[in-house]
């Protein structure tokens, strides 16, 4: 799985797409985050605007990514949650950990605060 990425104001934006159900996606995200850490990039926003479906394994993938970044002195924030993903995050009370943002710009700006 290829994860499109871009940089904005020193923040890396990863755009997840399609159904996020764990499996190969989890490995791809983990590898990408470790690559970013190795490059000294420790501020990451995951854009979820193109995610059509997410299950508990996909949620676990995001938690793993959050933990990876935190354990390496970085931060991971979520942006543009679709309705399905937003409900999953709220039901599991993970919105208190991830602090999701409505737009990528809001998430990027939050790093400057």
PDB file of N, CA and C in Angstrom:
ATOM      1  N   UNK A   1       0.832  -1.175   0.000  1.00  0.00           N
ATOM      2  CA  UNK A   1       0.000   0.000   0.000  1.00  0.00           C
ATOM      3  C   UNK A   1       0.878   1.240   0.000  1.00  0.00           C
ATOM      4  N   UNK A   2       0.651   2.130  -0.928  1.00  0.00           N
ATOM      5  CA  UNK A   2       1.358   3.409  -0.990  1.00  0.00           C
ATOM      6  C   UNK A   2       0.550   4.446  -0.217  1.00  0.00           C
ATOM      7  N   UNK A   3       1.207   5.186   0.640  1.00  0.00           N
ATOM      8  CA  UNK A   3       0.545   6.235   1.407  1.00  0.00           C
ATOM      9  C   UNK A   3       1.037   7.573   0.879  1.00  0.00           C
ATOM     10  N   UNK A   4       0.179   8.290   0.145  1.00  0.00           N
ATOM     11  CA  UNK A   4       0.588   9.605  -0.356  1.00  0.00           C
ATOM     12  C   UNK A   4       0.956  10.529   0.803  1.00  0.00           C
ATOM     13  N   UNK A   5       2.034  11.291   0.614  1.00  0.00           N
ATOM     14  CA  UNK A   5       2.446  12.209   1.661  1.00  0.00           C
ATOM     15  C   UNK A   5       2.834  13.550   1.065  1.00  0.00           C
ATOM     16  N   UNK A   6       2.765  14.560   1.901  1.00  0.00           N
ATOM     17  CA  UNK A   6       3.199  15.898   1.521  1.00  0.00           C
ATOM     18  C   UNK A   6       3.683  16.598   2.783  1.00  0.00           C
ATOM     19  N   UNK A   7       4.353  17.715   2.604  1.00  0.00           N
ATOM     20  CA  UNK A   7       4.840  18.497   3.737  1.00  0.00           C
ATOM     21  C   UNK A   7       4.229  19.883   3.678  1.00  0.00           C
ATOM     22  N   UNK A   8       3.866  20.385   4.855  1.00  0.00           N
ATOM     23  CA  UNK A   8       3.332  21.737   4.958  1.00  0.00           C
ATOM     24  C   UNK A   8       3.854  22.353   6.255  1.00  0.00           C
ATOM     25  N   UNK A   9       4.638  23.406   6.126  1.00  0.00           N
ATOM     26  CA  UNK A   9       5.195  24.105   7.293  1.00  0.00           C
ATOM     27  C   UNK A   9       5.957  23.161   8.225  1.00  0.00           C
ATOM     28  N   UNK A  10       6.684  22.230   7.654  1.00  0.00           N
ATOM     29  CA  UNK A  10       7.477  21.301   8.456  1.00  0.00           C
ATOM     30  C   UNK A  10       6.704  20.134   9.036  1.00  0.00           C
ATOM     31  N   UNK A  11       5.419  20.035   8.694  1.00  0.00           N
ATOM     32  CA  UNK A  11       4.567  18.941   9.172  1.00  0.00           C
ATOM     33  C   UNK A  11       4.319  17.989   8.007  1.00  0.00           C
ATOM     34  N   UNK A  12       4.470  16.699   8.249  1.00  0.00           N
ATOM     35  CA  UNK A  12       4.206  15.702   7.217  1.00  0.00           C
ATOM     36  C   UNK A  12       2.742  15.303   7.268  1.00  0.00           C
ATOM     37  N   UNK A  13       2.115  15.295   6.097  1.00  0.00           N
ATOM     38  CA  UNK A  13       0.711  14.906   5.989  1.00  0.00           C
ATOM     39  C   UNK A  13       0.645  13.592   5.237  1.00  0.00           C
ATOM     40  N   UNK A  14       0.055  12.584   5.874  1.00  0.00           N
ATOM     41  CA  UNK A  14      -0.149  11.280   5.252  1.00  0.00           C
ATOM     42  C   UNK A  14      -1.630  11.139   4.942  1.00  0.00           C
ATOM     43  N   UNK A  15      -1.945  10.815   3.701  1.00  0.00           N
ATOM     44  CA  UNK A  15      -3.342  10.710   3.269  1.00  0.00           C
ATOM     45  C   UNK A  15      -3.724   9.244   3.112  1.00  0.00           C
ATOM     46  N   UNK A  16      -4.468   8.727   4.082  1.00  0.00           N
ATOM     47  CA  UNK A  16      -4.953   7.354   3.979  1.00  0.00           C
ATOM     48  C   UNK A  16      -6.179   7.333   3.076  1.00  0.00           C
ATOM     49  N   UNK A  17      -6.359   6.237   2.355  1.00  0.00           N
ATOM     50  CA  UNK A  17      -7.452   6.145   1.390  1.00  0.00           C
ATOM     51  C   UNK A  17      -8.107   4.779   1.433  1.00  0.00           C
ATOM     52  N   UNK A  18      -9.409   4.752   1.135  1.00  0.00           N
ATOM     53  CA  UNK A  18     -10.132   3.496   1.017  1.00  0.00           C
ATOM     54  C   UNK A  18     -10.503   2.893   2.354  1.00  0.00           C
ATOM     55  N   UNK A  19     -10.630   1.571   2.364  1.00  0.00           N
ATOM     56  CA  UNK A  19     -10.990   0.835   3.570  1.00  0.00           C
ATOM     57  C   UNK A  19      -9.729   0.564   4.386  1.00  0.00           C
ATOM     58  N   UNK A  20      -9.744   0.968   5.637  1.00  0.00           N
ATOM     59  CA  UNK A  20      -8.607   0.762   6.534  1.00  0.00           C
ATOM     60  C   UNK A  20      -9.016  -0.333   7.521  1.00  0.00           C
ATOM     61  N   UNK A  21      -8.545  -1.527   7.221  1.00  0.00           N
ATOM     62  CA  UNK A  21      -8.982  -2.705   7.972  1.00  0.00           C
ATOM     63  C   UNK A  21      -7.823  -3.437   8.628  1.00  0.00           C
ATOM     64  N   UNK A  22      -6.699  -2.765   8.808  1.00  0.00           N
ATOM     65  CA  UNK A  22      -5.532  -3.416   9.387  1.00  0.00           C
ATOM     66  C   UNK A  22      -4.790  -4.185   8.306  1.00  0.00           C
ATOM     67  N   UNK A  23      -4.129  -5.247   8.655  1.00  0.00           N
ATOM     68  CA  UNK A  23      -3.406  -6.054   7.681  1.00  0.00           C
ATOM     69  C   UNK A  23      -2.258  -5.292   7.048  1.00  0.00           C
ATOM     70  N   UNK A  24      -2.157  -5.351   5.703  1.00  0.00           N
ATOM     71  CA  UNK A  24      -1.029  -4.704   5.013  1.00  0.00           C
ATOM     72  C   UNK A  24      -0.957  -3.201   5.254  1.00  0.00           C
ATOM     73  N   UNK A  25      -2.113  -2.565   5.462  1.00  0.00           N
ATOM     74  CA  UNK A  25      -2.113  -1.124   5.714  1.00  0.00           C
ATOM     75  C   UNK A  25      -1.348  -0.799   6.991  1.00  0.00           C
ATOM     76  N   UNK A  26      -1.503  -1.638   8.007  1.00  0.00           N
ATOM     77  CA  UNK A  26      -0.826  -1.402   9.285  1.00  0.00           C
ATOM     78  C   UNK A  26       0.682  -1.425   9.098  1.00  0.00           C
ATOM     79  N   UNK A  27       1.176  -2.391   8.351  1.00  0.00           N
ATOM     80  CA  UNK A  27       2.611  -2.476   8.094  1.00  0.00           C
ATOM     81  C   UNK A  27       3.095  -1.275   7.306  1.00  0.00           C
ATOM     82  N   UNK A  28       2.326  -0.863   6.306  1.00  0.00           N
ATOM     83  CA  UNK A  28       2.718   0.272   5.477  1.00  0.00           C
ATOM     84  C   UNK A  28       2.787   1.547   6.304  1.00  0.00           C
ATOM     85  N   UNK A  29       1.802   1.781   7.159  1.00  0.00           N
ATOM     86  CA  UNK A  29       1.813   2.983   7.993  1.00  0.00           C
ATOM     87  C   UNK A  29       2.969   2.934   8.973  1.00  0.00           C
ATOM     88  N   UNK A  30       3.185   1.806   9.618  1.00  0.00           N
ATOM     89  CA  UNK A  30       4.269   1.658  10.572  1.00  0.00           C
ATOM     90  C   UNK A  30       5.629   1.918   9.903  1.00  0.00           C
ATOM     91  N   UNK A  31       5.823   1.343   8.727  1.00  0.00           N
ATOM     92  CA  UNK A  31       7.081   1.551   7.998  1.00  0.00           C
ATOM     93  C   UNK A  31       7.261   3.017   7.621  1.00  0.00           C
ATOM     94  N   UNK A  32       6.194   3.653   7.173  1.00  0.00           N
ATOM     95  CA  UNK A  32       6.265   5.063   6.787  1.00  0.00           C
ATOM     96  C   UNK A  32       6.597   5.937   7.994  1.00  0.00           C
ATOM     97  N   UNK A  33       5.977   5.679   9.129  1.00  0.00           N
ATOM     98  CA  UNK A  33       6.257   6.470  10.332  1.00  0.00           C
ATOM     99  C   UNK A  33       7.699   6.290  10.792  1.00  0.00           C
ATOM    100  N   UNK A  34       8.213   5.064  10.729  1.00  0.00           N
ATOM    101  CA  UNK A  34       9.606   4.826  11.115  1.00  0.00           C
ATOM    102  C   UNK A  34      10.565   5.521  10.147  1.00  0.00           C
ATOM    103  N   UNK A  35      10.214   5.552   8.872  1.00  0.00           N
ATOM    104  CA  UNK A  35      11.037   6.262   7.888  1.00  0.00           C
ATOM    105  C   UNK A  35      11.079   7.750   8.216  1.00  0.00           C
ATOM    106  N   UNK A  36       9.917   8.311   8.552  1.00  0.00           N
ATOM    107  CA  UNK A  36       9.850   9.732   8.898  1.00  0.00           C
ATOM    108  C   UNK A  36      10.666  10.030  10.147  1.00  0.00           C
ATOM    109  N   UNK A  37      10.540   9.173  11.146  1.00  0.00           N
ATOM    110  CA  UNK A  37      11.317   9.347  12.386  1.00  0.00           C
ATOM    111  C   UNK A  37      12.810   9.328  12.074  1.00  0.00           C
ATOM    112  N   UNK A  38      13.241   8.372  11.239  1.00  0.00           N
ATOM    113  CA  UNK A  38      14.651   8.275  10.858  1.00  0.00           C
ATOM    114  C   UNK A  38      15.129   9.534  10.150  1.00  0.00           C
ATOM    115  N   UNK A  39      14.215  10.221   9.445  1.00  0.00           N
ATOM    116  CA  UNK A  39      14.549  11.459   8.747  1.00  0.00           C
ATOM    117  C   UNK A  39      14.416  12.686   9.651  1.00  0.00           C
ATOM    118  N   UNK A  40      14.041  12.470  10.919  1.00  0.00           N
ATOM    119  CA  UNK A  40      13.894  13.560  11.856  1.00  0.00           C
ATOM    120  C   UNK A  40      12.564  14.296  11.757  1.00  0.00           C
ATOM    121  N   UNK A  41      11.627  13.720  11.044  1.00  0.00           N
ATOM    122  CA  UNK A  41      10.305  14.336  10.899  1.00  0.00           C
ATOM    123  C   UNK A  41       9.388  13.748  11.966  1.00  0.00           C
ATOM    124  N   UNK A  42       9.013  14.581  12.913  1.00  0.00           N
ATOM    125  CA  UNK A  42       8.276  14.069  14.067  1.00  0.00           C
ATOM    126  C   UNK A  42       6.912  14.707  14.268  1.00  0.00           C
ATOM    127  N   UNK A  43       6.467  15.477  13.318  1.00  0.00           N
ATOM    128  CA  UNK A  43       5.134  16.072  13.376  1.00  0.00           C
ATOM    129  C   UNK A  43       4.346  15.542  12.182  1.00  0.00           C
ATOM    130  N   UNK A  44       3.321  14.734  12.479  1.00  0.00           N
ATOM    131  CA  UNK A  44       2.574  14.045  11.423  1.00  0.00           C
ATOM    132  C   UNK A  44       1.075  14.262  11.599  1.00  0.00           C
ATOM    133  N   UNK A  45       0.423  14.552  10.474  1.00  0.00           N
ATOM    134  CA  UNK A  45      -1.029  14.626  10.424  1.00  0.00           C
ATOM    135  C   UNK A  45      -1.501  13.514   9.492  1.00  0.00           C
ATOM    136  N   UNK A  46      -2.471  12.742   9.937  1.00  0.00           N
ATOM    137  CA  UNK A  46      -3.071  11.737   9.069  1.00  0.00           C
ATOM    138  C   UNK A  46      -4.409  12.282   8.582  1.00  0.00           C
ATOM    139  N   UNK A  47      -4.485  12.480   7.268  1.00  0.00           N
ATOM    140  CA  UNK A  47      -5.693  12.972   6.608  1.00  0.00           C
ATOM    141  C   UNK A  47      -6.585  11.767   6.314  1.00  0.00           C
ATOM    142  N   UNK A  48      -7.765  11.737   6.932  1.00  0.00           N
ATOM    143  CA  UNK A  48      -8.676  10.598   6.783  1.00  0.00           C
ATOM    144  C   UNK A  48      -9.869  10.915   5.876  1.00  0.00           C
ATOM    145  N   UNK A  49      -9.795  12.000   5.121  1.00  0.00           N
ATOM    146  CA  UNK A  49     -10.930  12.433   4.298  1.00  0.00           C
ATOM    147  C   UNK A  49     -11.320  11.433   3.214  1.00  0.00           C
ATOM    148  N   UNK A  50     -10.391  10.576   2.803  1.00  0.00           N
ATOM    149  CA  UNK A  50     -10.672   9.613   1.744  1.00  0.00           C
ATOM    150  C   UNK A  50     -10.857   8.186   2.263  1.00  0.00           C
ATOM    151  N   UNK A  51     -11.020   8.042   3.572  1.00  0.00           N
ATOM    152  CA  UNK A  51     -11.223   6.713   4.162  1.00  0.00           C
ATOM    153  C   UNK A  51     -12.716   6.379   4.115  1.00  0.00           C
ATOM    154  N   UNK A  52     -13.039   5.277   3.464  1.00  0.00           N
ATOM    155  CA  UNK A  52     -14.443   4.887   3.284  1.00  0.00           C
ATOM    156  C   UNK A  52     -14.955   3.989   4.396  1.00  0.00           C
ATOM    157  N   UNK A  53     -14.054   3.261   5.041  1.00  0.00           N
ATOM    158  CA  UNK A  53     -14.446   2.303   6.069  1.00  0.00           C
ATOM    159  C   UNK A  53     -13.261   2.055   6.988  1.00  0.00           C
ATOM    160  N   UNK A  54     -13.545   1.903   8.269  1.00  0.00           N
ATOM    161  CA  UNK A  54     -12.499   1.542   9.217  1.00  0.00           C
ATOM    162  C   UNK A  54     -13.100   0.609  10.254  1.00  0.00           C
ATOM    163  N   UNK A  55     -12.365  -0.444  10.580  1.00  0.00           N
ATOM    164  CA  UNK A  55     -12.814  -1.373  11.621  1.00  0.00           C
ATOM    165  C   UNK A  55     -11.877  -1.257  12.825  1.00  0.00           C
ATOM    166  N   UNK A  56     -12.047  -2.151  13.783  1.00  0.00           N
ATOM    167  CA  UNK A  56     -11.225  -2.092  14.994  1.00  0.00           C
ATOM    168  C   UNK A  56      -9.742  -2.320  14.692  1.00  0.00           C
ATOM    169  N   UNK A  57      -9.435  -3.124  13.696  1.00  0.00           N
ATOM    170  CA  UNK A  57      -8.031  -3.327  13.321  1.00  0.00           C
ATOM    171  C   UNK A  57      -7.436  -2.055  12.737  1.00  0.00           C
ATOM    172  N   UNK A  58      -8.227  -1.350  11.943  1.00  0.00           N
ATOM    173  CA  UNK A  58      -7.781  -0.067  11.407  1.00  0.00           C
ATOM    174  C   UNK A  58      -7.565   0.944  12.518  1.00  0.00           C
ATOM    175  N   UNK A  59      -8.451   0.922  13.499  1.00  0.00           N
ATOM    176  CA  UNK A  59      -8.311   1.800  14.656  1.00  0.00           C
ATOM    177  C   UNK A  59      -7.040   1.445  15.433  1.00  0.00           C
ATOM    178  N   UNK A  60      -6.788   0.163  15.575  1.00  0.00           N
ATOM    179  CA  UNK A  60      -5.565  -0.293  16.226  1.00  0.00           C
ATOM    180  C   UNK A  60      -4.320   0.178  15.486  1.00  0.00           C
ATOM    181  N   UNK A  61      -4.421   0.241  14.173  1.00  0.00           N
ATOM    182  CA  UNK A  61      -3.322   0.727  13.351  1.00  0.00           C
ATOM    183  C   UNK A  61      -3.022   2.192  13.689  1.00  0.00           C
ATOM    184  N   UNK A  62      -4.070   3.008  13.858  1.00  0.00           N
ATOM    185  CA  UNK A  62      -3.875   4.412  14.215  1.00  0.00           C
ATOM    186  C   UNK A  62      -3.290   4.545  15.619  1.00  0.00           C
ATOM    187  N   UNK A  63      -3.763   3.711  16.543  1.00  0.00           N
ATOM    188  CA  UNK A  63      -3.232   3.738  17.905  1.00  0.00           C
ATOM    189  C   UNK A  63      -1.750   3.361  17.898  1.00  0.00           C
ATOM    190  N   UNK A  64      -1.407   2.347  17.121  1.00  0.00           N
ATOM    191  CA  UNK A  64      -0.003   1.948  16.988  1.00  0.00           C
ATOM    192  C   UNK A  64       0.847   3.078  16.432  1.00  0.00           C
ATOM    193  N   UNK A  65       0.317   3.788  15.447  1.00  0.00           N
ATOM    194  CA  UNK A  65       1.029   4.920  14.867  1.00  0.00           C
ATOM    195  C   UNK A  65       1.221   6.040  15.875  1.00  0.00           C
ATOM    196  N   UNK A  66       0.187   6.316  16.638  1.00  0.00           N
ATOM    197  CA  UNK A  66       0.259   7.338  17.680  1.00  0.00           C
ATOM    198  C   UNK A  66       1.345   6.971  18.695  1.00  0.00           C
ATOM    199  N   UNK A  67       1.347   5.711  19.114  1.00  0.00           N
ATOM    200  CA  UNK A  67       2.328   5.236  20.091  1.00  0.00           C
ATOM    201  C   UNK A  67       3.742   5.303  19.533  1.00  0.00           C
ATOM    202  N   UNK A  68       3.912   4.895  18.294  1.00  0.00           N
ATOM    203  CA  UNK A  68       5.229   4.951  17.650  1.00  0.00           C
ATOM    204  C   UNK A  68       5.771   6.369  17.652  1.00  0.00           C
ATOM    205  N   UNK A  69       4.941   7.320  17.253  1.00  0.00           N
ATOM    206  CA  UNK A  69       5.395   8.712  17.212  1.00  0.00           C
ATOM    207  C   UNK A  69       5.701   9.222  18.618  1.00  0.00           C
ATOM    208  N   UNK A  70       4.821   8.965  19.562  1.00  0.00           N
ATOM    209  CA  UNK A  70       4.998   9.452  20.939  1.00  0.00           C
ATOM    210  C   UNK A  70       6.265   8.867  21.563  1.00  0.00           C
ATOM    211  N   UNK A  71       6.506   7.573  21.352  1.00  0.00           N
ATOM    212  CA  UNK A  71       7.685   6.917  21.924  1.00  0.00           C
ATOM    213  C   UNK A  71       8.989   7.411  21.319  1.00  0.00           C
ATOM    214  N   UNK A  72       8.896   8.093  20.182  1.00  0.00           N
ATOM    215  CA  UNK A  72      10.088   8.615  19.511  1.00  0.00           C
ATOM    216  C   UNK A  72      10.132  10.141  19.545  1.00  0.00           C
ATOM    217  N   UNK A  73       9.405  10.728  20.486  1.00  0.00           N
ATOM    218  CA  UNK A  73       9.441  12.171  20.674  1.00  0.00           C
ATOM    219  C   UNK A  73       8.638  12.958  19.658  1.00  0.00           C
ATOM    220  N   UNK A  74       7.724  12.286  18.966  1.00  0.00           N
ATOM    221  CA  UNK A  74       6.920  12.969  17.956  1.00  0.00           C
ATOM    222  C   UNK A  74       5.462  13.070  18.340  1.00  0.00           C
ATOM    223  N   UNK A  75       4.686  13.596  17.401  1.00  0.00           N
ATOM    224  CA  UNK A  75       3.248  13.731  17.599  1.00  0.00           C
ATOM    225  C   UNK A  75       2.523  13.297  16.340  1.00  0.00           C
ATOM    226  N   UNK A  76       1.370  12.695  16.520  1.00  0.00           N
ATOM    227  CA  UNK A  76       0.515  12.294  15.416  1.00  0.00           C
ATOM    228  C   UNK A  76      -0.884  12.833  15.689  1.00  0.00           C
ATOM    229  N   UNK A  77      -1.440  13.537  14.703  1.00  0.00           N
ATOM    230  CA  UNK A  77      -2.781  14.097  14.841  1.00  0.00           C
ATOM    231  C   UNK A  77      -3.632  13.657  13.656  1.00  0.00           C
ATOM    232  N   UNK A  78      -4.926  13.588  13.881  1.00  0.00           N
ATOM    233  CA  UNK A  78      -5.867  13.172  12.844  1.00  0.00           C
ATOM    234  C   UNK A  78      -6.632  14.375  12.323  1.00  0.00           C
ATOM    235  N   UNK A  79      -6.959  14.331  11.033  1.00  0.00           N
ATOM    236  CA  UNK A  79      -7.734  15.410  10.427  1.00  0.00           C
ATOM    237  C   UNK A  79      -8.741  14.845   9.439  1.00  0.00           C
ATOM    238  N   UNK A  80      -9.814  15.596   9.241  1.00  0.00           N
ATOM    239  CA  UNK A  80     -10.816  15.305   8.205  1.00  0.00           C
ATOM    240  C   UNK A  80     -11.466  13.933   8.373  1.00  0.00           C
ATOM    241  N   UNK A  81     -11.902  13.626   9.572  1.00  0.00           N
ATOM    242  CA  UNK A  81     -12.542  12.339   9.817  1.00  0.00           C
ATOM    243  C   UNK A  81     -13.866  12.250   9.054  1.00  0.00           C
ATOM    244  N   UNK A  82     -14.068  11.143   8.374  1.00  0.00           N
ATOM    245  CA  UNK A  82     -15.359  10.900   7.743  1.00  0.00           C
ATOM    246  C   UNK A  82     -16.351  10.555   8.854  1.00  0.00           C
ATOM    247  N   UNK A  83     -17.624  10.563   8.555  1.00  0.00           N
ATOM    248  CA  UNK A  83     -18.650  10.303   9.559  1.00  0.00           C
ATOM    249  C   UNK A  83     -18.453   8.949  10.240  1.00  0.00           C
ATOM    250  N   UNK A  84     -18.178   7.913   9.453  1.00  0.00           N
ATOM    251  CA  UNK A  84     -17.981   6.572  10.020  1.00  0.00           C
ATOM    252  C   UNK A  84     -16.781   6.524  10.964  1.00  0.00           C
ATOM    253  N   UNK A  85     -15.692   7.132  10.547  1.00  0.00           N
ATOM    254  CA  UNK A  85     -14.477   7.131  11.373  1.00  0.00           C
ATOM    255  C   UNK A  85     -14.699   7.977  12.619  1.00  0.00           C
ATOM    256  N   UNK A  86     -15.354   9.117  12.479  1.00  0.00           N
ATOM    257  CA  UNK A  86     -15.628   9.985  13.625  1.00  0.00           C
ATOM    258  C   UNK A  86     -16.434   9.233  14.687  1.00  0.00           C
ATOM    259  N   UNK A  87     -17.459   8.500  14.248  1.00  0.00           N
ATOM    260  CA  UNK A  87     -18.283   7.737  15.196  1.00  0.00           C
ATOM    261  C   UNK A  87     -17.447   6.683  15.913  1.00  0.00           C
ATOM    262  N   UNK A  88     -16.600   5.988  15.181  1.00  0.00           N
ATOM    263  CA  UNK A  88     -15.748   4.958  15.771  1.00  0.00           C
ATOM    264  C   UNK A  88     -14.798   5.567  16.809  1.00  0.00           C
ATOM    265  N   UNK A  89     -14.216   6.701  16.492  1.00  0.00           N
ATOM    266  CA  UNK A  89     -13.295   7.378  17.410  1.00  0.00           C
ATOM    267  C   UNK A  89     -14.046   7.837  18.666  1.00  0.00           C
ATOM    268  N   UNK A  90     -15.264   8.359  18.477  1.00  0.00           N
ATOM    269  CA  UNK A  90     -16.036   8.840  19.627  1.00  0.00           C
ATOM    270  C   UNK A  90     -16.530   7.690  20.509  1.00  0.00           C
ATOM    271  N   UNK A  91     -17.028   6.630  19.896  1.00  0.00           N
ATOM    272  CA  UNK A  91     -17.543   5.487  20.663  1.00  0.00           C
ATOM    273  C   UNK A  91     -16.453   4.887  21.542  1.00  0.00           C
ATOM    274  N   UNK A  92     -15.240   4.835  21.015  1.00  0.00           N
ATOM    275  CA  UNK A  92     -14.121   4.259  21.754  1.00  0.00           C
ATOM    276  C   UNK A  92     -13.430   5.266  22.673  1.00  0.00           C
ATOM    277  N   UNK A  93     -13.946   6.495  22.686  1.00  0.00           N
ATOM    278  CA  UNK A  93     -13.412   7.575  23.519  1.00  0.00           C
ATOM    279  C   UNK A  93     -11.985   7.970  23.143  1.00  0.00           C
ATOM    280  N   UNK A  94     -11.549   7.600  21.948  1.00  0.00           N
ATOM    281  CA  UNK A  94     -10.190   7.928  21.525  1.00  0.00           C
ATOM    282  C   UNK A  94     -10.043   9.374  21.058  1.00  0.00           C
ATOM    283  N   UNK A  95     -11.165  10.085  20.947  1.00  0.00           N
ATOM    284  CA  UNK A  95     -11.066  11.493  20.564  1.00  0.00           C
ATOM    285  C   UNK A  95     -10.328  12.302  21.638  1.00  0.00           C
ATOM    286  N   UNK A  96     -10.287  11.787  22.858  1.00  0.00           N
ATOM    287  CA  UNK A  96      -9.556  12.483  23.917  1.00  0.00           C
ATOM    288  C   UNK A  96      -8.047  12.316  23.765  1.00  0.00           C
ATOM    289  N   UNK A  97      -7.624  11.281  23.070  1.00  0.00           N
ATOM    290  CA  UNK A  97      -6.204  11.045  22.827  1.00  0.00           C
ATOM    291  C   UNK A  97      -5.771  11.693  21.520  1.00  0.00           C
ATOM    292  N   UNK A  98      -6.529  11.441  20.460  1.00  0.00           N
ATOM    293  CA  UNK A  98      -6.152  11.922  19.133  1.00  0.00           C
ATOM    294  C   UNK A  98      -6.448  13.397  18.915  1.00  0.00           C
ATOM    295  N   UNK A  99      -7.411  13.972  19.609  1.00  0.00           N
ATOM    296  CA  UNK A  99      -7.834  15.348  19.394  1.00  0.00           C
ATOM    297  C   UNK A  99      -7.975  15.641  17.893  1.00  0.00           C
ATOM    298  N   UNK A 100      -8.945  15.012  17.232  1.00  0.00           N
ATOM    299  CA  UNK A 100      -9.074  15.184  15.779  1.00  0.00           C
ATOM    300  C   UNK A 100      -9.433  16.610  15.377  1.00  0.00           C
ATOM    301  N   UNK A 101      -8.972  16.998  14.204  1.00  0.00           N
ATOM    302  CA  UNK A 101      -9.204  18.334  13.661  1.00  0.00           C
ATOM    303  C   UNK A 101     -10.090  18.249  12.428  1.00  0.00           C
ATOM    304  N   UNK A 102     -10.864  19.309  12.194  1.00  0.00           N
ATOM    305  CA  UNK A 102     -11.782  19.352  11.068  1.00  0.00           C
ATOM    306  C   UNK A 102     -11.089  19.446   9.728  1.00  0.00           C
ATOM    307  N   UNK A 103      -9.936  20.118   9.696  1.00  0.00           N
ATOM    308  CA  UNK A 103      -9.197  20.269   8.432  1.00  0.00           C
ATOM    309  C   UNK A 103      -7.714  19.967   8.661  1.00  0.00           C
ATOM    310  N   UNK A 104      -7.032  19.693   7.580  1.00  0.00           N
ATOM    311  CA  UNK A 104      -5.590  19.476   7.653  1.00  0.00           C
ATOM    312  C   UNK A 104      -4.911  20.762   8.095  1.00  0.00           C
ATOM    313  N   UNK A 105      -5.368  21.907   7.582  1.00  0.00           N
ATOM    314  CA  UNK A 105      -4.761  23.190   7.972  1.00  0.00           C
ATOM    315  C   UNK A 105      -4.852  23.421   9.470  1.00  0.00           C
ATOM    316  N   UNK A 106      -5.995  23.098  10.084  1.00  0.00           N
ATOM    317  CA  UNK A 106      -6.151  23.256  11.535  1.00  0.00           C
ATOM    318  C   UNK A 106      -5.174  22.346  12.281  1.00  0.00           C
ATOM    319  N   UNK A 107      -5.031  21.117  11.817  1.00  0.00           N
ATOM    320  CA  UNK A 107      -4.119  20.169  12.454  1.00  0.00           C
ATOM    321  C   UNK A 107      -2.681  20.648  12.333  1.00  0.00           C
ATOM    322  N   UNK A 108      -2.295  21.123  11.145  1.00  0.00           N
ATOM    323  CA  UNK A 108      -0.928  21.632  10.935  1.00  0.00           C
ATOM    324  C   UNK A 108      -0.678  22.832  11.839  1.00  0.00           C
ATOM    325  N   UNK A 109      -1.635  23.754  11.896  1.00  0.00           N
ATOM    326  CA  UNK A 109      -1.488  24.951  12.722  1.00  0.00           C
ATOM    327  C   UNK A 109      -1.362  24.614  14.198  1.00  0.00           C
ATOM    328  N   UNK A 110      -1.963  23.509  14.642  1.00  0.00           N
ATOM    329  CA  UNK A 110      -1.927  23.145  16.061  1.00  0.00           C
ATOM    330  C   UNK A 110      -0.511  22.810  16.536  1.00  0.00           C
ATOM    331  N   UNK A 111       0.380  22.465  15.624  1.00  0.00           N
ATOM    332  CA  UNK A 111       1.754  22.160  16.016  1.00  0.00           C
ATOM    333  C   UNK A 111       2.507  23.433  16.427  1.00  0.00           C
ATOM    334  N   UNK A 112       2.092  24.557  15.900  1.00  0.00           N
ATOM    335  CA  UNK A 112       2.763  25.826  16.219  1.00  0.00           C
ATOM    336  C   UNK A 112       2.338  26.351  17.583  1.00  0.00           C
ATOM    337  N   UNK A 113       1.239  25.830  18.104  1.00  0.00           N
ATOM    338  CA  UNK A 113       0.719  26.337  19.389  1.00  0.00           C
ATOM    339  C   UNK A 113       1.569  25.896  20.552  1.00  0.00           C
TER     340      UNK A 113
END
